[in-house]
Amino acid sequence: MRLTVFSLVMLAAVLVACGGAGHTRGVPEGLSADRALEPGDEVERETLRRLPELAPGQAVEIAGATVVAEAPYQAASRRICRALSIRAGDAPRALLACHDAEGPWFLAPPVFPVANGEEAPAR
């Protein structure tokens, strides 16, 4: 009897520990496009629109700013992302743009709070 109660308690503990929401196929919860940042200005909007045609590492003039889009890479979220550097006047900013196979490019929240030795801008 004592062994049966112990076995049932252990089985319940294992089920509770292994249970839960788990992951669904695709992107894990919390990394969805609904957390995308809105483009802050015309430079960001136009950069997102033109991103598929931008050569990696090449400076391009977009809406009065100098934009450099790095090479695409597959992120842990399974999205394709590109690091962006935008310089308008004396204010450089580092952004991250991503897209999945079926959607447009969007600005993603910063992965790290510090970019290029400076604090990432609050948005």
C-alpha atoms as a PDB file:
ATOM      1  CA  MET A   1       0.000   0.000   0.000  1.00  0.00           C
ATOM      2  CA  ARG A   2       2.759   2.398   0.971  1.00  0.00           C
ATOM      3  CA  LEU A   3       4.594   1.723  -2.307  1.00  0.00           C
ATOM      4  CA  THR A   4       1.412   2.370  -4.308  1.00  0.00           C
ATOM      5  CA  VAL A   5       0.817   5.756  -2.648  1.00  0.00           C
ATOM      6  CA  PHE A   6       4.459   6.694  -3.212  1.00  0.00           C
ATOM      7  CA  SER A   7       4.202   5.630  -6.872  1.00  0.00           C
ATOM      8  CA  LEU A   8       1.050   7.688  -7.386  1.00  0.00           C
ATOM      9  CA  VAL A   9       2.619  10.756  -5.765  1.00  0.00           C
ATOM     10  CA  MET A  10       5.719  10.421  -7.954  1.00  0.00           C
ATOM     11  CA  LEU A  11       3.596   9.948 -11.082  1.00  0.00           C
ATOM     12  CA  ALA A  12       1.591  13.070 -10.228  1.00  0.00           C
ATOM     13  CA  ALA A  13       4.802  15.051  -9.667  1.00  0.00           C
ATOM     14  CA  VAL A  14       6.192  13.967 -13.032  1.00  0.00           C
ATOM     15  CA  LEU A  15       2.959  14.854 -14.826  1.00  0.00           C
ATOM     16  CA  VAL A  16       2.839  18.291 -13.211  1.00  0.00           C
ATOM     17  CA  ALA A  17       6.503  18.966 -13.986  1.00  0.00           C
ATOM     18  CA  CYS A  18       6.199  17.833 -17.593  1.00  0.00           C
ATOM     19  CA  GLY A  19       2.791  19.336 -18.226  1.00  0.00           C
ATOM     20  CA  GLY A  20       2.022  22.894 -19.147  1.00  0.00           C
ATOM     21  CA  ALA A  21       1.369  24.945 -22.218  1.00  0.00           C
ATOM     22  CA  GLY A  22       4.392  23.656 -24.126  1.00  0.00           C
ATOM     23  CA  HIS A  23       5.374  24.919 -27.548  1.00  0.00           C
ATOM     24  CA  THR A  24       3.195  24.975 -30.592  1.00  0.00           C
ATOM     25  CA  ARG A  25       4.562  24.532 -34.066  1.00  0.00           C
ATOM     26  CA  GLY A  26       6.193  27.629 -35.445  1.00  0.00           C
ATOM     27  CA  VAL A  27       7.252  30.609 -33.405  1.00  0.00           C
ATOM     28  CA  PRO A  28       7.251  30.343 -29.593  1.00  0.00           C
ATOM     29  CA  GLU A  29       4.771  32.562 -27.778  1.00  0.00           C
ATOM     30  CA  GLY A  30       6.183  36.010 -27.025  1.00  0.00           C
ATOM     31  CA  LEU A  31       8.091  36.278 -30.293  1.00  0.00           C
ATOM     32  CA  SER A  32       5.115  37.040 -32.480  1.00  0.00           C
ATOM     33  CA  ALA A  33       4.808  39.848 -34.983  1.00  0.00           C
ATOM     34  CA  ASP A  34       2.263  41.590 -32.723  1.00  0.00           C
ATOM     35  CA  ARG A  35       5.303  42.821 -30.773  1.00  0.00           C
ATOM     36  CA  ALA A  36       6.619  44.525 -33.890  1.00  0.00           C
ATOM     37  CA  LEU A  37       7.586  48.163 -33.505  1.00  0.00           C
ATOM     38  CA  GLU A  38       5.881  50.782 -35.611  1.00  0.00           C
ATOM     39  CA  PRO A  39       8.234  52.625 -37.965  1.00  0.00           C
ATOM     40  CA  GLY A  40       9.097  55.901 -36.260  1.00  0.00           C
ATOM     41  CA  ASP A  41       9.507  58.007 -39.388  1.00  0.00           C
ATOM     42  CA  GLU A  42       9.637  58.032 -43.177  1.00  0.00           C
ATOM     43  CA  VAL A  43      13.227  56.740 -43.197  1.00  0.00           C
ATOM     44  CA  GLU A  44      12.203  53.599 -41.309  1.00  0.00           C
ATOM     45  CA  ARG A  45       9.076  53.062 -43.432  1.00  0.00           C
ATOM     46  CA  GLU A  46      10.987  53.434 -46.702  1.00  0.00           C
ATOM     47  CA  THR A  47      13.857  51.261 -45.437  1.00  0.00           C
ATOM     48  CA  LEU A  48      11.438  48.426 -44.630  1.00  0.00           C
ATOM     49  CA  ARG A  49       9.834  48.771 -48.053  1.00  0.00           C
ATOM     50  CA  ARG A  50      13.186  48.684 -49.870  1.00  0.00           C
ATOM     51  CA  LEU A  51      14.912  46.142 -47.636  1.00  0.00           C
ATOM     52  CA  PRO A  52      14.598  43.150 -50.013  1.00  0.00           C
ATOM     53  CA  GLU A  53      16.643  44.987 -52.664  1.00  0.00           C
ATOM     54  CA  LEU A  54      19.360  46.429 -50.384  1.00  0.00           C
ATOM     55  CA  ALA A  55      22.808  44.862 -50.817  1.00  0.00           C
ATOM     56  CA  PRO A  56      24.397  43.726 -47.538  1.00  0.00           C
ATOM     57  CA  GLY A  57      26.866  46.186 -46.038  1.00  0.00           C
ATOM     58  CA  GLN A  58      26.343  48.884 -48.690  1.00  0.00           C
ATOM     59  CA  ALA A  59      25.469  52.429 -47.613  1.00  0.00           C
ATOM     60  CA  VAL A  60      22.330  53.719 -49.342  1.00  0.00           C
ATOM     61  CA  GLU A  61      20.649  57.114 -49.137  1.00  0.00           C
ATOM     62  CA  ILE A  62      16.993  56.775 -48.087  1.00  0.00           C
ATOM     63  CA  ALA A  63      14.791  59.784 -47.334  1.00  0.00           C
ATOM     64  CA  GLY A  64      17.797  61.941 -46.426  1.00  0.00           C
ATOM     65  CA  ALA A  65      19.481  59.358 -44.183  1.00  0.00           C
ATOM     66  CA  THR A  66      22.317  56.912 -44.764  1.00  0.00           C
ATOM     67  CA  VAL A  67      21.165  53.331 -44.260  1.00  0.00           C
ATOM     68  CA  VAL A  68      23.294  50.188 -44.079  1.00  0.00           C
ATOM     69  CA  ALA A  69      21.529  46.821 -43.959  1.00  0.00           C
ATOM     70  CA  GLU A  70      23.686  43.889 -42.924  1.00  0.00           C
ATOM     71  CA  ALA A  71      23.418  40.414 -44.446  1.00  0.00           C
ATOM     72  CA  PRO A  72      20.253  38.455 -43.660  1.00  0.00           C
ATOM     73  CA  TYR A  73      20.459  35.681 -41.069  1.00  0.00           C
ATOM     74  CA  GLN A  74      18.026  33.204 -39.580  1.00  0.00           C
ATOM     75  CA  ALA A  75      17.182  34.178 -36.015  1.00  0.00           C
ATOM     76  CA  ALA A  76      16.268  31.815 -33.192  1.00  0.00           C
ATOM     77  CA  SER A  77      12.638  32.778 -33.839  1.00  0.00           C
ATOM     78  CA  ARG A  78      13.015  31.137 -37.289  1.00  0.00           C
ATOM     79  CA  ARG A  79      12.554  34.510 -38.925  1.00  0.00           C
ATOM     80  CA  ILE A  80      14.978  36.078 -41.363  1.00  0.00           C
ATOM     81  CA  CYS A  81      16.458  39.229 -39.817  1.00  0.00           C
ATOM     82  CA  ARG A  82      18.823  42.024 -40.828  1.00  0.00           C
ATOM     83  CA  ALA A  83      20.626  44.490 -38.598  1.00  0.00           C
ATOM     84  CA  LEU A  84      20.135  48.087 -39.743  1.00  0.00           C
ATOM     85  CA  SER A  85      22.264  51.136 -39.136  1.00  0.00           C
ATOM     86  CA  ILE A  86      20.572  54.456 -39.879  1.00  0.00           C
ATOM     87  CA  ARG A  87      22.407  57.762 -39.696  1.00  0.00           C
ATOM     88  CA  ALA A  88      20.420  60.962 -40.039  1.00  0.00           C
ATOM     89  CA  GLY A  89      22.485  63.983 -39.050  1.00  0.00           C
ATOM     90  CA  ASP A  90      24.455  63.300 -35.872  1.00  0.00           C
ATOM     91  CA  ALA A  91      22.047  60.690 -34.529  1.00  0.00           C
ATOM     92  CA  PRO A  92      22.983  57.122 -35.509  1.00  0.00           C
ATOM     93  CA  ARG A  93      20.561  54.369 -34.568  1.00  0.00           C
ATOM     94  CA  ALA A  94      20.735  50.602 -34.711  1.00  0.00           C
ATOM     95  CA  LEU A  95      17.572  48.678 -35.532  1.00  0.00           C
ATOM     96  CA  LEU A  96      16.602  45.108 -36.285  1.00  0.00           C
ATOM     97  CA  ALA A  97      14.239  44.206 -39.122  1.00  0.00           C
ATOM     98  CA  CYS A  98      12.748  40.728 -39.518  1.00  0.00           C
ATOM     99  CA  HIS A  99      10.198  38.849 -41.589  1.00  0.00           C
ATOM    100  CA  ASP A 100       8.862  35.360 -41.864  1.00  0.00           C
ATOM    101  CA  ALA A 101       8.222  33.512 -45.103  1.00  0.00           C
ATOM    102  CA  GLU A 102       4.732  34.896 -45.564  1.00  0.00           C
ATOM    103  CA  GLY A 103       4.945  38.409 -44.221  1.00  0.00           C
ATOM    104  CA  PRO A 104       6.478  41.814 -44.824  1.00  0.00           C
ATOM    105  CA  TRP A 105       9.565  43.150 -43.080  1.00  0.00           C
ATOM    106  CA  PHE A 106       8.913  44.705 -39.662  1.00  0.00           C
ATOM    107  CA  LEU A 107      11.004  46.335 -36.946  1.00  0.00           C
ATOM    108  CA  ALA A 108      11.673  43.928 -34.100  1.00  0.00           C
ATOM    109  CA  PRO A 109      12.312  44.914 -30.488  1.00  0.00           C
ATOM    110  CA  PRO A 110      16.018  45.083 -29.612  1.00  0.00           C
ATOM    111  CA  VAL A 111      17.461  41.751 -28.547  1.00  0.00           C
ATOM    112  CA  PHE A 112      20.042  43.349 -26.277  1.00  0.00           C
ATOM    113  CA  PRO A 113      19.615  46.618 -24.323  1.00  0.00           C
ATOM    114  CA  VAL A 114      22.956  47.935 -25.595  1.00  0.00           C
ATOM    115  CA  ALA A 115      23.912  48.314 -29.242  1.00  0.00           C
ATOM    116  CA  ASN A 116      27.260  49.536 -30.572  1.00  0.00           C
ATOM    117  CA  GLY A 117      28.395  50.630 -27.103  1.00  0.00           C
ATOM    118  CA  GLU A 118      25.411  52.949 -26.675  1.00  0.00           C
ATOM    119  CA  GLU A 119      22.062  52.356 -25.084  1.00  0.00           C
ATOM    120  CA  ALA A 120      19.440  51.235 -27.566  1.00  0.00           C
ATOM    121  CA  PRO A 121      16.796  53.945 -28.006  1.00  0.00           C
ATOM    122  CA  ALA A 122      13.545  53.527 -26.116  1.00  0.00           C
ATOM    123  CA  ARG A 123      10.592  53.173 -28.448  1.00  0.00           C
END
